[in-house]
Amino acid sequence: RGDLLGSYLKRLCDPNPDVHVPAARAWSVYEGSCSTLLPSFE
């Protein structure tokens, strides 16, 4: 957790889908959750 960007990039570039897919989902959901003024499930 001390290197958030580096740790995510390492996982996102891992060829194993079991590693990179959950990391990608966590990153992307974070961005989506902060994108609207009011919460938007869609």
Full PDB file with SEQRES, HELIX, SHEET, SSBOND, CRYST1, ORIGX, SCALE, CONECT and MASTER records, all heavy atoms in Angstrom:
SEQRES   1 A   42  ARG GLY ASP LEU LEU GLY SER TYR LEU LYS ARG LEU CYS          
SEQRES   2 A   42  ASP PRO ASN PRO ASP VAL HIS VAL PRO ALA ALA ARG ALA          
SEQRES   3 A   42  TRP SER VAL TYR GLU GLY SER CYS SER THR LEU LEU PRO          
SEQRES   4 A   42  SER PHE GLU                                                  
HELIX    1 AA1 LEU A    4  LEU A   12  1                                   9    
HELIX    2 AA2 PRO A   17  SER A   33  1                                  17    
CRYST1    1.000    1.000    1.000  90.00  90.00  90.00 P 1           1          
ORIGX1      1.000000  0.000000  0.000000        0.00000                         
ORIGX2      0.000000  1.000000  0.000000        0.00000                         
ORIGX3      0.000000  0.000000  1.000000        0.00000                         
SCALE1      1.000000  0.000000  0.000000        0.00000                         
SCALE2      0.000000  1.000000  0.000000        0.00000                         
SCALE3      0.000000  0.000000  1.000000        0.00000                         
ATOM      1  N   ARG A   1       0.797  -1.224   0.000  1.00  0.00           N  
ATOM      2  CA  ARG A   1       0.000   0.000   0.000  1.00  0.00           C  
ATOM      3  C   ARG A   1       0.829   1.273   0.000  1.00  0.00           C  
ATOM      4  O   ARG A   1       0.303   2.355  -0.274  1.00  0.00           O  
ATOM      5  CB  ARG A   1      -0.964  -0.007   1.190  1.00  0.00           C  
ATOM      6  CG  ARG A   1      -1.997  -1.122   1.082  1.00  0.00           C  
ATOM      7  CD  ARG A   1      -2.842  -1.245   2.339  1.00  0.00           C  
ATOM      8  NE  ARG A   1      -3.659  -2.458   2.272  1.00  0.00           N  
ATOM      9  CZ  ARG A   1      -4.359  -2.946   3.305  1.00  0.00           C  
ATOM     10  NH1 ARG A   1      -4.342  -2.305   4.477  1.00  0.00           N  
ATOM     11  NH2 ARG A   1      -5.051  -4.057   3.155  1.00  0.00           N  
ATOM     12  N   GLY A   2       2.120   1.160   0.292  1.00  0.00           N  
ATOM     13  CA  GLY A   2       2.976   2.345   0.305  1.00  0.00           C  
ATOM     14  C   GLY A   2       3.252   2.890  -1.083  1.00  0.00           C  
ATOM     15  O   GLY A   2       3.635   4.055  -1.231  1.00  0.00           O  
ATOM     16  N   ASP A   3       3.081   2.083  -2.106  1.00  0.00           N  
ATOM     17  CA  ASP A   3       3.267   2.504  -3.500  1.00  0.00           C  
ATOM     18  C   ASP A   3       2.032   2.081  -4.277  1.00  0.00           C  
ATOM     19  O   ASP A   3       2.046   1.077  -4.987  1.00  0.00           O  
ATOM     20  CB  ASP A   3       4.537   1.869  -4.082  1.00  0.00           C  
ATOM     21  CG  ASP A   3       4.787   2.277  -5.532  1.00  0.00           C  
ATOM     22  OD1 ASP A   3       4.114   3.215  -6.018  1.00  0.00           O  
ATOM     23  OD2 ASP A   3       5.642   1.647  -6.187  1.00  0.00           O  
ATOM     24  N   LEU A   4       0.980   2.858  -4.137  1.00  0.00           N  
ATOM     25  CA  LEU A   4      -0.302   2.486  -4.717  1.00  0.00           C  
ATOM     26  C   LEU A   4      -0.202   2.307  -6.236  1.00  0.00           C  
ATOM     27  O   LEU A   4      -0.634   1.302  -6.787  1.00  0.00           O  
ATOM     28  CB  LEU A   4      -1.355   3.521  -4.338  1.00  0.00           C  
ATOM     29  CG  LEU A   4      -2.825   3.202  -4.629  1.00  0.00           C  
ATOM     30  CD1 LEU A   4      -3.721   3.942  -3.635  1.00  0.00           C  
ATOM     31  CD2 LEU A   4      -3.219   3.592  -6.045  1.00  0.00           C  
ATOM     32  N   LEU A   5       0.387   3.283  -6.913  1.00  0.00           N  
ATOM     33  CA  LEU A   5       0.470   3.215  -8.374  1.00  0.00           C  
ATOM     34  C   LEU A   5       1.355   2.061  -8.825  1.00  0.00           C  
ATOM     35  O   LEU A   5       0.968   1.274  -9.700  1.00  0.00           O  
ATOM     36  CB  LEU A   5       0.998   4.537  -8.932  1.00  0.00           C  
ATOM     37  CG  LEU A   5       1.197   4.599 -10.457  1.00  0.00           C  
ATOM     38  CD1 LEU A   5      -0.095   4.278 -11.205  1.00  0.00           C  
ATOM     39  CD2 LEU A   5       1.729   5.961 -10.867  1.00  0.00           C  
ATOM     40  N   GLY A   6       2.526   1.931  -8.252  1.00  0.00           N  
ATOM     41  CA  GLY A   6       3.437   0.860  -8.640  1.00  0.00           C  
ATOM     42  C   GLY A   6       2.874  -0.517  -8.374  1.00  0.00           C  
ATOM     43  O   GLY A   6       3.035  -1.441  -9.188  1.00  0.00           O  
ATOM     44  N   SER A   7       2.199  -0.678  -7.241  1.00  0.00           N  
ATOM     45  CA  SER A   7       1.634  -1.975  -6.889  1.00  0.00           C  
ATOM     46  C   SER A   7       0.508  -2.360  -7.840  1.00  0.00           C  
ATOM     47  O   SER A   7       0.401  -3.510  -8.274  1.00  0.00           O  
ATOM     48  CB  SER A   7       1.127  -1.948  -5.442  1.00  0.00           C  
ATOM     49  OG  SER A   7       2.194  -1.716  -4.536  1.00  0.00           O  
ATOM     50  N   TYR A   8      -0.336  -1.390  -8.171  1.00  0.00           N  
ATOM     51  CA  TYR A   8      -1.417  -1.683  -9.121  1.00  0.00           C  
ATOM     52  C   TYR A   8      -0.862  -1.971 -10.515  1.00  0.00           C  
ATOM     53  O   TYR A   8      -1.308  -2.904 -11.188  1.00  0.00           O  
ATOM     54  CB  TYR A   8      -2.419  -0.526  -9.177  1.00  0.00           C  
ATOM     55  CG  TYR A   8      -3.607  -0.748  -8.271  1.00  0.00           C  
ATOM     56  CD1 TYR A   8      -3.650  -0.199  -7.001  1.00  0.00           C  
ATOM     57  CD2 TYR A   8      -4.691  -1.531  -8.682  1.00  0.00           C  
ATOM     58  CE1 TYR A   8      -4.741  -0.407  -6.155  1.00  0.00           C  
ATOM     59  CE2 TYR A   8      -5.781  -1.749  -7.853  1.00  0.00           C  
ATOM     60  CZ  TYR A   8      -5.796  -1.183  -6.592  1.00  0.00           C  
ATOM     61  OH  TYR A   8      -6.876  -1.416  -5.761  1.00  0.00           O  
ATOM     62  N   LEU A   9       0.114  -1.181 -10.953  1.00  0.00           N  
ATOM     63  CA  LEU A   9       0.660  -1.386 -12.292  1.00  0.00           C  
ATOM     64  C   LEU A   9       1.272  -2.777 -12.415  1.00  0.00           C  
ATOM     65  O   LEU A   9       1.098  -3.453 -13.440  1.00  0.00           O  
ATOM     66  CB  LEU A   9       1.699  -0.309 -12.603  1.00  0.00           C  
ATOM     67  CG  LEU A   9       2.271  -0.317 -14.022  1.00  0.00           C  
ATOM     68  CD1 LEU A   9       1.157  -0.177 -15.060  1.00  0.00           C  
ATOM     69  CD2 LEU A   9       3.298   0.804 -14.191  1.00  0.00           C  
ATOM     70  N   LYS A  10       1.975  -3.225 -11.384  1.00  0.00           N  
ATOM     71  CA  LYS A  10       2.568  -4.568 -11.401  1.00  0.00           C  
ATOM     72  C   LYS A  10       1.485  -5.624 -11.551  1.00  0.00           C  
ATOM     73  O   LYS A  10       1.613  -6.566 -12.344  1.00  0.00           O  
ATOM     74  CB  LYS A  10       3.362  -4.799 -10.125  1.00  0.00           C  
ATOM     75  CG  LYS A  10       4.027  -6.172 -10.046  1.00  0.00           C  
ATOM     76  CD  LYS A  10       4.808  -6.326  -8.758  1.00  0.00           C  
ATOM     77  CE  LYS A  10       5.438  -7.722  -8.660  1.00  0.00           C  
ATOM     78  NZ  LYS A  10       6.191  -7.881  -7.375  1.00  0.00           N  
ATOM     79  N   ARG A  11       0.401  -5.483 -10.820  1.00  0.00           N  
ATOM     80  CA  ARG A  11      -0.696  -6.458 -10.907  1.00  0.00           C  
ATOM     81  C   ARG A  11      -1.430  -6.359 -12.241  1.00  0.00           C  
ATOM     82  O   ARG A  11      -1.805  -7.367 -12.836  1.00  0.00           O  
ATOM     83  CB  ARG A  11      -1.675  -6.234  -9.747  1.00  0.00           C  
ATOM     84  CG  ARG A  11      -1.117  -6.671  -8.398  1.00  0.00           C  
ATOM     85  CD  ARG A  11      -1.988  -6.232  -7.230  1.00  0.00           C  
ATOM     86  NE  ARG A  11      -1.457  -6.791  -5.988  1.00  0.00           N  
ATOM     87  CZ  ARG A  11      -1.823  -7.962  -5.475  1.00  0.00           C  
ATOM     88  NH1 ARG A  11      -2.742  -8.681  -6.093  1.00  0.00           N  
ATOM     89  NH2 ARG A  11      -1.282  -8.406  -4.354  1.00  0.00           N  
ATOM     90  N   LEU A  12      -1.629  -5.148 -12.708  1.00  0.00           N  
ATOM     91  CA  LEU A  12      -2.361  -4.961 -13.961  1.00  0.00           C  
ATOM     92  C   LEU A  12      -1.597  -5.513 -15.161  1.00  0.00           C  
ATOM     93  O   LEU A  12      -2.201  -5.876 -16.168  1.00  0.00           O  
ATOM     94  CB  LEU A  12      -2.653  -3.476 -14.167  1.00  0.00           C  
ATOM     95  CG  LEU A  12      -3.661  -2.866 -13.184  1.00  0.00           C  
ATOM     96  CD1 LEU A  12      -3.620  -1.346 -13.237  1.00  0.00           C  
ATOM     97  CD2 LEU A  12      -5.062  -3.378 -13.455  1.00  0.00           C  
ATOM     98  N   CYS A  13      -0.296  -5.561 -15.060  1.00  0.00           N  
ATOM     99  CA  CYS A  13       0.536  -6.083 -16.153  1.00  0.00           C  
ATOM    100  C   CYS A  13       0.826  -7.572 -16.004  1.00  0.00           C  
ATOM    101  O   CYS A  13       1.486  -8.154 -16.879  1.00  0.00           O  
ATOM    102  CB  CYS A  13       1.846  -5.301 -16.232  1.00  0.00           C  
ATOM    103  SG  CYS A  13       1.637  -3.590 -16.759  1.00  0.00           S  
ATOM    104  N   ASP A  14       0.359  -8.179 -14.925  1.00  0.00           N  
ATOM    105  CA  ASP A  14       0.546  -9.625 -14.747  1.00  0.00           C  
ATOM    106  C   ASP A  14      -0.281 -10.362 -15.802  1.00  0.00           C  
ATOM    107  O   ASP A  14      -1.460 -10.064 -15.985  1.00  0.00           O  
ATOM    108  CB  ASP A  14       0.096 -10.033 -13.337  1.00  0.00           C  
ATOM    109  CG  ASP A  14       0.529 -11.443 -12.971  1.00  0.00           C  
ATOM    110  OD1 ASP A  14       0.098 -12.393 -13.671  1.00  0.00           O  
ATOM    111  OD2 ASP A  14       1.289 -11.600 -12.012  1.00  0.00           O  
ATOM    112  N   PRO A  15       0.313 -11.321 -16.531  1.00  0.00           N  
ATOM    113  CA  PRO A  15      -0.436 -12.010 -17.591  1.00  0.00           C  
ATOM    114  C   PRO A  15      -1.561 -12.910 -17.084  1.00  0.00           C  
ATOM    115  O   PRO A  15      -2.442 -13.287 -17.864  1.00  0.00           O  
ATOM    116  CB  PRO A  15       0.646 -12.843 -18.293  1.00  0.00           C  
ATOM    117  CG  PRO A  15       1.730 -13.019 -17.277  1.00  0.00           C  
ATOM    118  CD  PRO A  15       1.719 -11.770 -16.459  1.00  0.00           C  
ATOM    119  N   ASN A  16      -1.569 -13.221 -15.813  1.00  0.00           N  
ATOM    120  CA  ASN A  16      -2.586 -14.101 -15.241  1.00  0.00           C  
ATOM    121  C   ASN A  16      -3.892 -13.316 -15.009  1.00  0.00           C  
ATOM    122  O   ASN A  16      -3.911 -12.375 -14.218  1.00  0.00           O  
ATOM    123  CB  ASN A  16      -2.095 -14.684 -13.920  1.00  0.00           C  
ATOM    124  CG  ASN A  16      -3.045 -15.709 -13.342  1.00  0.00           C  
ATOM    125  OD1 ASN A  16      -4.185 -15.865 -13.800  1.00  0.00           O  
ATOM    126  ND2 ASN A  16      -2.607 -16.420 -12.314  1.00  0.00           N  
ATOM    127  N   PRO A  17      -4.987 -13.700 -15.687  1.00  0.00           N  
ATOM    128  CA  PRO A  17      -6.263 -12.992 -15.480  1.00  0.00           C  
ATOM    129  C   PRO A  17      -6.739 -13.008 -14.034  1.00  0.00           C  
ATOM    130  O   PRO A  17      -7.446 -12.081 -13.609  1.00  0.00           O  
ATOM    131  CB  PRO A  17      -7.247 -13.738 -16.393  1.00  0.00           C  
ATOM    132  CG  PRO A  17      -6.390 -14.425 -17.402  1.00  0.00           C  
ATOM    133  CD  PRO A  17      -5.115 -14.772 -16.693  1.00  0.00           C  
ATOM    134  N   ASP A  18      -6.366 -14.045 -13.285  1.00  0.00           N  
ATOM    135  CA  ASP A  18      -6.761 -14.097 -11.883  1.00  0.00           C  
ATOM    136  C   ASP A  18      -6.104 -12.997 -11.068  1.00  0.00           C  
ATOM    137  O   ASP A  18      -6.553 -12.678  -9.963  1.00  0.00           O  
ATOM    138  CB  ASP A  18      -6.409 -15.459 -11.285  1.00  0.00           C  
ATOM    139  CG  ASP A  18      -7.243 -16.588 -11.867  1.00  0.00           C  
ATOM    140  OD1 ASP A  18      -8.344 -16.305 -12.388  1.00  0.00           O  
ATOM    141  OD2 ASP A  18      -6.794 -17.747 -11.811  1.00  0.00           O  
ATOM    142  N   VAL A  19      -5.041 -12.437 -11.607  1.00  0.00           N  
ATOM    143  CA  VAL A  19      -4.350 -11.336 -10.941  1.00  0.00           C  
ATOM    144  C   VAL A  19      -4.788  -9.993 -11.512  1.00  0.00           C  
ATOM    145  O   VAL A  19      -5.167  -9.085 -10.767  1.00  0.00           O  
ATOM    146  CB  VAL A  19      -2.811 -11.484 -11.067  1.00  0.00           C  
ATOM    147  CG1 VAL A  19      -2.102 -10.273 -10.447  1.00  0.00           C  
ATOM    148  CG2 VAL A  19      -2.348 -12.769 -10.402  1.00  0.00           C  
ATOM    149  N   HIS A  20      -4.753  -9.858 -12.848  1.00  0.00           N  
ATOM    150  CA  HIS A  20      -4.984  -8.524 -13.409  1.00  0.00           C  
ATOM    151  C   HIS A  20      -6.460  -8.125 -13.489  1.00  0.00           C  
ATOM    152  O   HIS A  20      -6.781  -6.935 -13.390  1.00  0.00           O  
ATOM    153  CB  HIS A  20      -4.301  -8.349 -14.772  1.00  0.00           C  
ATOM    154  CG  HIS A  20      -4.862  -9.142 -15.907  1.00  0.00           C  
ATOM    155  ND1 HIS A  20      -4.168 -10.151 -16.533  1.00  0.00           N  
ATOM    156  CD2 HIS A  20      -6.042  -9.058 -16.578  1.00  0.00           C  
ATOM    157  CE1 HIS A  20      -4.885 -10.642 -17.516  1.00  0.00           C  
ATOM    158  NE2 HIS A  20      -6.036  -9.997 -17.561  1.00  0.00           N  
ATOM    159  N   VAL A  21      -7.378  -9.083 -13.631  1.00  0.00           N  
ATOM    160  CA  VAL A  21      -8.789  -8.700 -13.746  1.00  0.00           C  
ATOM    161  C   VAL A  21      -9.335  -8.115 -12.444  1.00  0.00           C  
ATOM    162  O   VAL A  21      -9.955  -7.038 -12.458  1.00  0.00           O  
ATOM    163  CB  VAL A  21      -9.644  -9.890 -14.237  1.00  0.00           C  
ATOM    164  CG1 VAL A  21     -11.133  -9.549 -14.142  1.00  0.00           C  
ATOM    165  CG2 VAL A  21      -9.285 -10.245 -15.679  1.00  0.00           C  
ATOM    166  N   PRO A  22      -9.131  -8.753 -11.279  1.00  0.00           N  
ATOM    167  CA  PRO A  22      -9.635  -8.135 -10.038  1.00  0.00           C  
ATOM    168  C   PRO A  22      -8.991  -6.775  -9.753  1.00  0.00           C  
ATOM    169  O   PRO A  22      -9.659  -5.863  -9.261  1.00  0.00           O  
ATOM    170  CB  PRO A  22      -9.269  -9.159  -8.961  1.00  0.00           C  
ATOM    171  CG  PRO A  22      -9.104 -10.453  -9.683  1.00  0.00           C  
ATOM    172  CD  PRO A  22      -8.554 -10.084 -11.025  1.00  0.00           C  
ATOM    173  N   ALA A  23      -7.702  -6.631 -10.076  1.00  0.00           N  
ATOM    174  CA  ALA A  23      -7.036  -5.346  -9.855  1.00  0.00           C  
ATOM    175  C   ALA A  23      -7.632  -4.277 -10.766  1.00  0.00           C  
ATOM    176  O   ALA A  23      -7.859  -3.136 -10.342  1.00  0.00           O  
ATOM    177  CB  ALA A  23      -5.535  -5.487 -10.100  1.00  0.00           C  
ATOM    178  N   ALA A  24      -7.894  -4.644 -12.007  1.00  0.00           N  
ATOM    179  CA  ALA A  24      -8.496  -3.698 -12.950  1.00  0.00           C  
ATOM    180  C   ALA A  24      -9.886  -3.282 -12.487  1.00  0.00           C  
ATOM    181  O   ALA A  24     -10.246  -2.098 -12.553  1.00  0.00           O  
ATOM    182  CB  ALA A  24      -8.566  -4.323 -14.344  1.00  0.00           C  
ATOM    183  N   ARG A  25     -10.632  -4.237 -12.002  1.00  0.00           N  
ATOM    184  CA  ARG A  25     -11.991  -3.924 -11.543  1.00  0.00           C  
ATOM    185  C   ARG A  25     -11.946  -2.983 -10.344  1.00  0.00           C  
ATOM    186  O   ARG A  25     -12.735  -2.022 -10.258  1.00  0.00           O  
ATOM    187  CB  ARG A  25     -12.724  -5.219 -11.205  1.00  0.00           C  
ATOM    188  CG  ARG A  25     -14.231  -5.043 -11.025  1.00  0.00           C  
ATOM    189  CD  ARG A  25     -14.907  -6.357 -10.684  1.00  0.00           C  
ATOM    190  NE  ARG A  25     -14.721  -7.336 -11.746  1.00  0.00           N  
ATOM    191  CZ  ARG A  25     -14.157  -8.538 -11.580  1.00  0.00           C  
ATOM    192  NH1 ARG A  25     -13.700  -8.885 -10.394  1.00  0.00           N  
ATOM    193  NH2 ARG A  25     -14.047  -9.365 -12.588  1.00  0.00           N  
ATOM    194  N   ALA A  26     -11.041  -3.214  -9.408  1.00  0.00           N  
ATOM    195  CA  ALA A  26     -10.929  -2.368  -8.216  1.00  0.00           C  
ATOM    196  C   ALA A  26     -10.562  -0.935  -8.602  1.00  0.00           C  
ATOM    197  O   ALA A  26     -11.141   0.034  -8.101  1.00  0.00           O  
ATOM    198  CB  ALA A  26      -9.886  -2.938  -7.260  1.00  0.00           C  
ATOM    199  N   TRP A  27      -9.617  -0.788  -9.526  1.00  0.00           N  
ATOM    200  CA  TRP A  27      -9.192   0.538  -9.992  1.00  0.00           C  
ATOM    201  C   TRP A  27     -10.343   1.252 -10.701  1.00  0.00           C  
ATOM    202  O   TRP A  27     -10.636   2.412 -10.437  1.00  0.00           O  
ATOM    203  CB  TRP A  27      -8.000   0.369 -10.926  1.00  0.00           C  
ATOM    204  CG  TRP A  27      -7.461   1.631 -11.539  1.00  0.00           C  
ATOM    205  CD1 TRP A  27      -8.068   2.419 -12.481  1.00  0.00           C  
ATOM    206  CD2 TRP A  27      -6.193   2.250 -11.263  1.00  0.00           C  
ATOM    207  NE1 TRP A  27      -7.253   3.471 -12.827  1.00  0.00           N  
ATOM    208  CE2 TRP A  27      -6.119   3.402 -12.102  1.00  0.00           C  
ATOM    209  CE3 TRP A  27      -5.122   1.935 -10.418  1.00  0.00           C  
ATOM    210  CZ2 TRP A  27      -4.984   4.239 -12.086  1.00  0.00           C  
ATOM    211  CZ3 TRP A  27      -4.008   2.774 -10.415  1.00  0.00           C  
ATOM    212  CH2 TRP A  27      -3.956   3.904 -11.226  1.00  0.00           C  
ATOM    213  N   SER A  28     -10.987   0.554 -11.624  1.00  0.00           N  
ATOM    214  CA  SER A  28     -12.017   1.160 -12.445  1.00  0.00           C  
ATOM    215  C   SER A  28     -13.252   1.532 -11.623  1.00  0.00           C  
ATOM    216  O   SER A  28     -13.851   2.599 -11.824  1.00  0.00           O  
ATOM    217  CB  SER A  28     -12.395   0.206 -13.580  1.00  0.00           C  
ATOM    218  OG  SER A  28     -13.199   0.846 -14.537  1.00  0.00           O  
ATOM    219  N   VAL A  29     -13.642   0.676 -10.690  1.00  0.00           N  
ATOM    220  CA  VAL A  29     -14.793   0.969  -9.834  1.00  0.00           C  
ATOM    221  C   VAL A  29     -14.519   2.200  -8.972  1.00  0.00           C  
ATOM    222  O   VAL A  29     -15.416   3.023  -8.727  1.00  0.00           O  
ATOM    223  CB  VAL A  29     -15.147  -0.255  -8.973  1.00  0.00           C  
ATOM    224  CG1 VAL A  29     -16.079   0.125  -7.823  1.00  0.00           C  
ATOM    225  CG2 VAL A  29     -15.805  -1.332  -9.829  1.00  0.00           C  
ATOM    226  N   TYR A  30     -13.288   2.338  -8.519  1.00  0.00           N  
ATOM    227  CA  TYR A  30     -12.898   3.538  -7.757  1.00  0.00           C  
ATOM    228  C   TYR A  30     -13.168   4.790  -8.581  1.00  0.00           C  
ATOM    229  O   TYR A  30     -13.794   5.750  -8.110  1.00  0.00           O  
ATOM    230  CB  TYR A  30     -11.421   3.435  -7.390  1.00  0.00           C  
ATOM    231  CG  TYR A  30     -10.780   4.712  -6.897  1.00  0.00           C  
ATOM    232  CD1 TYR A  30     -11.156   5.287  -5.687  1.00  0.00           C  
ATOM    233  CD2 TYR A  30      -9.763   5.341  -7.632  1.00  0.00           C  
ATOM    234  CE1 TYR A  30     -10.549   6.454  -5.213  1.00  0.00           C  
ATOM    235  CE2 TYR A  30      -9.152   6.499  -7.173  1.00  0.00           C  
ATOM    236  CZ  TYR A  30      -9.545   7.048  -5.970  1.00  0.00           C  
ATOM    237  OH  TYR A  30      -8.943   8.197  -5.515  1.00  0.00           O  
ATOM    238  N   GLU A  31     -12.728   4.781  -9.844  1.00  0.00           N  
ATOM    239  CA  GLU A  31     -12.934   5.943 -10.691  1.00  0.00           C  
ATOM    240  C   GLU A  31     -14.417   6.191 -10.944  1.00  0.00           C  
ATOM    241  O   GLU A  31     -14.892   7.328 -10.870  1.00  0.00           O  
ATOM    242  CB  GLU A  31     -12.188   5.773 -12.019  1.00  0.00           C  
ATOM    243  CG  GLU A  31     -12.271   6.979 -12.925  1.00  0.00           C  
ATOM    244  CD  GLU A  31     -11.248   6.971 -14.034  1.00  0.00           C  
ATOM    245  OE1 GLU A  31     -10.250   6.228 -13.931  1.00  0.00           O  
ATOM    246  OE2 GLU A  31     -11.425   7.720 -15.015  1.00  0.00           O  
ATOM    247  N   GLY A  32     -15.158   5.130 -11.242  1.00  0.00           N  
ATOM    248  CA  GLY A  32     -16.587   5.275 -11.487  1.00  0.00           C  
ATOM    249  C   GLY A  32     -17.340   5.793 -10.279  1.00  0.00           C  
ATOM    250  O   GLY A  32     -18.286   6.580 -10.408  1.00  0.00           O  
ATOM    251  N   SER A  33     -16.923   5.373  -9.099  1.00  0.00           N  
ATOM    252  CA  SER A  33     -17.603   5.773  -7.868  1.00  0.00           C  
ATOM    253  C   SER A  33     -17.442   7.259  -7.576  1.00  0.00           C  
ATOM    254  O   SER A  33     -18.263   7.850  -6.864  1.00  0.00           O  
ATOM    255  CB  SER A  33     -17.064   4.960  -6.683  1.00  0.00           C  
ATOM    256  OG  SER A  33     -17.291   3.580  -6.866  1.00  0.00           O  
ATOM    257  N   CYS A  34     -16.381   7.869  -8.106  1.00  0.00           N  
ATOM    258  CA  CYS A  34     -16.090   9.274  -7.833  1.00  0.00           C  
ATOM    259  C   CYS A  34     -16.483  10.205  -8.975  1.00  0.00           C  
ATOM    260  O   CYS A  34     -16.198  11.406  -8.917  1.00  0.00           O  
ATOM    261  CB  CYS A  34     -14.593   9.442  -7.541  1.00  0.00           C  
ATOM    262  SG  CYS A  34     -13.957   8.413  -6.203  1.00  0.00           S  
ATOM    263  N   SER A  35     -17.136   9.653 -10.002  1.00  0.00           N  
ATOM    264  CA  SER A  35     -17.337  10.411 -11.242  1.00  0.00           C  
ATOM    265  C   SER A  35     -18.597  11.260 -11.287  1.00  0.00           C  
ATOM    266  O   SER A  35     -18.706  12.136 -12.151  1.00  0.00           O  
ATOM    267  CB  SER A  35     -17.346   9.447 -12.438  1.00  0.00           C  
ATOM    268  OG  SER A  35     -16.064   8.912 -12.662  1.00  0.00           O  
ATOM    269  N   THR A  36     -19.543  11.002 -10.423  1.00  0.00           N  
ATOM    270  CA  THR A  36     -20.815  11.716 -10.505  1.00  0.00           C  
ATOM    271  C   THR A  36     -21.098  12.490  -9.223  1.00  0.00           C  
ATOM    272  O   THR A  36     -20.633  12.119  -8.133  1.00  0.00           O  
ATOM    273  CB  THR A  36     -21.979  10.753 -10.782  1.00  0.00           C  
ATOM    274  OG1 THR A  36     -21.990   9.712  -9.795  1.00  0.00           O  
ATOM    275  CG2 THR A  36     -21.832  10.121 -12.164  1.00  0.00           C  
ATOM    276  N   LEU A  37     -21.872  13.554  -9.347  1.00  0.00           N  
ATOM    277  CA  LEU A  37     -22.230  14.355  -8.180  1.00  0.00           C  
ATOM    278  C   LEU A  37     -23.050  13.534  -7.201  1.00  0.00           C  
ATOM    279  O   LEU A  37     -22.796  13.531  -5.993  1.00  0.00           O  
ATOM    280  CB  LEU A  37     -23.013  15.593  -8.621  1.00  0.00           C  
ATOM    281  CG  LEU A  37     -23.504  16.524  -7.507  1.00  0.00           C  
ATOM    282  CD1 LEU A  37     -22.333  17.111  -6.728  1.00  0.00           C  
ATOM    283  CD2 LEU A  37     -24.366  17.641  -8.095  1.00  0.00           C  
ATOM    284  N   LEU A  38     -24.044  12.818  -7.721  1.00  0.00           N  
ATOM    285  CA  LEU A  38     -24.858  11.929  -6.907  1.00  0.00           C  
ATOM    286  C   LEU A  38     -24.506  10.480  -7.235  1.00  0.00           C  
ATOM    287  O   LEU A  38     -24.101  10.178  -8.364  1.00  0.00           O  
ATOM    288  CB  LEU A  38     -26.345  12.178  -7.177  1.00  0.00           C  
ATOM    289  CG  LEU A  38     -26.848  13.591  -6.869  1.00  0.00           C  
ATOM    290  CD1 LEU A  38     -28.310  13.721  -7.264  1.00  0.00           C  
ATOM    291  CD2 LEU A  38     -26.648  13.914  -5.395  1.00  0.00           C  
ATOM    292  N   PRO A  39     -24.635   9.575  -6.279  1.00  0.00           N  
ATOM    293  CA  PRO A  39     -24.283   8.172  -6.549  1.00  0.00           C  
ATOM    294  C   PRO A  39     -25.062   7.633  -7.747  1.00  0.00           C  
ATOM    295  O   PRO A  39     -26.258   7.888  -7.904  1.00  0.00           O  
ATOM    296  CB  PRO A  39     -24.701   7.456  -5.255  1.00  0.00           C  
ATOM    297  CG  PRO A  39     -24.672   8.517  -4.198  1.00  0.00           C  
ATOM    298  CD  PRO A  39     -25.088   9.778  -4.884  1.00  0.00           C  
ATOM    299  N   SER A  40     -24.356   6.890  -8.613  1.00  0.00           N  
ATOM    300  CA  SER A  40     -24.973   6.331  -9.811  1.00  0.00           C  
ATOM    301  C   SER A  40     -24.559   4.868  -9.951  1.00  0.00           C  
ATOM    302  O   SER A  40     -23.427   4.573 -10.338  1.00  0.00           O  
ATOM    303  CB  SER A  40     -24.551   7.122 -11.058  1.00  0.00           C  
ATOM    304  OG  SER A  40     -24.939   6.442 -12.246  1.00  0.00           O  
ATOM    305  N   PHE A  41     -25.479   3.967  -9.644  1.00  0.00           N  
ATOM    306  CA  PHE A  41     -25.198   2.538  -9.781  1.00  0.00           C  
ATOM    307  C   PHE A  41     -24.882   2.199 -11.223  1.00  0.00           C  
ATOM    308  O   PHE A  41     -23.999   1.378 -11.518  1.00  0.00           O  
ATOM    309  CB  PHE A  41     -26.409   1.722  -9.302  1.00  0.00           C  
ATOM    310  CG  PHE A  41     -26.265   0.243  -9.559  1.00  0.00           C  
ATOM    311  CD1 PHE A  41     -25.514  -0.556  -8.713  1.00  0.00           C  
ATOM    312  CD2 PHE A  41     -26.879  -0.357 -10.658  1.00  0.00           C  
ATOM    313  CE1 PHE A  41     -25.366  -1.916  -8.958  1.00  0.00           C  
ATOM    314  CE2 PHE A  41     -26.735  -1.703 -10.913  1.00  0.00           C  
ATOM    315  CZ  PHE A  41     -25.985  -2.496 -10.055  1.00  0.00           C  
ATOM    316  N   GLU A  42     -25.585   2.846 -12.155  1.00  0.00           N  
ATOM    317  CA  GLU A  42     -25.376   2.582 -13.575  1.00  0.00           C  
ATOM    318  C   GLU A  42     -23.938   2.912 -13.991  1.00  0.00           C  
ATOM    319  O   GLU A  42     -23.296   2.153 -14.734  1.00  0.00           O  
ATOM    320  CB  GLU A  42     -26.360   3.398 -14.408  1.00  0.00           C  
ATOM    321  CG  GLU A  42     -26.230   3.196 -15.910  1.00  0.00           C  
ATOM    322  CD  GLU A  42     -27.163   4.107 -16.702  1.00  0.00           C  
ATOM    323  OE1 GLU A  42     -27.736   5.039 -16.101  1.00  0.00           O  
ATOM    324  OE2 GLU A  42     -27.313   3.874 -17.906  1.00  0.00           O  
TER     325      GLU A  42                                                      
MASTER        0    0    0    2    0    0    0    6  324    1    0    4          
END                                                                             
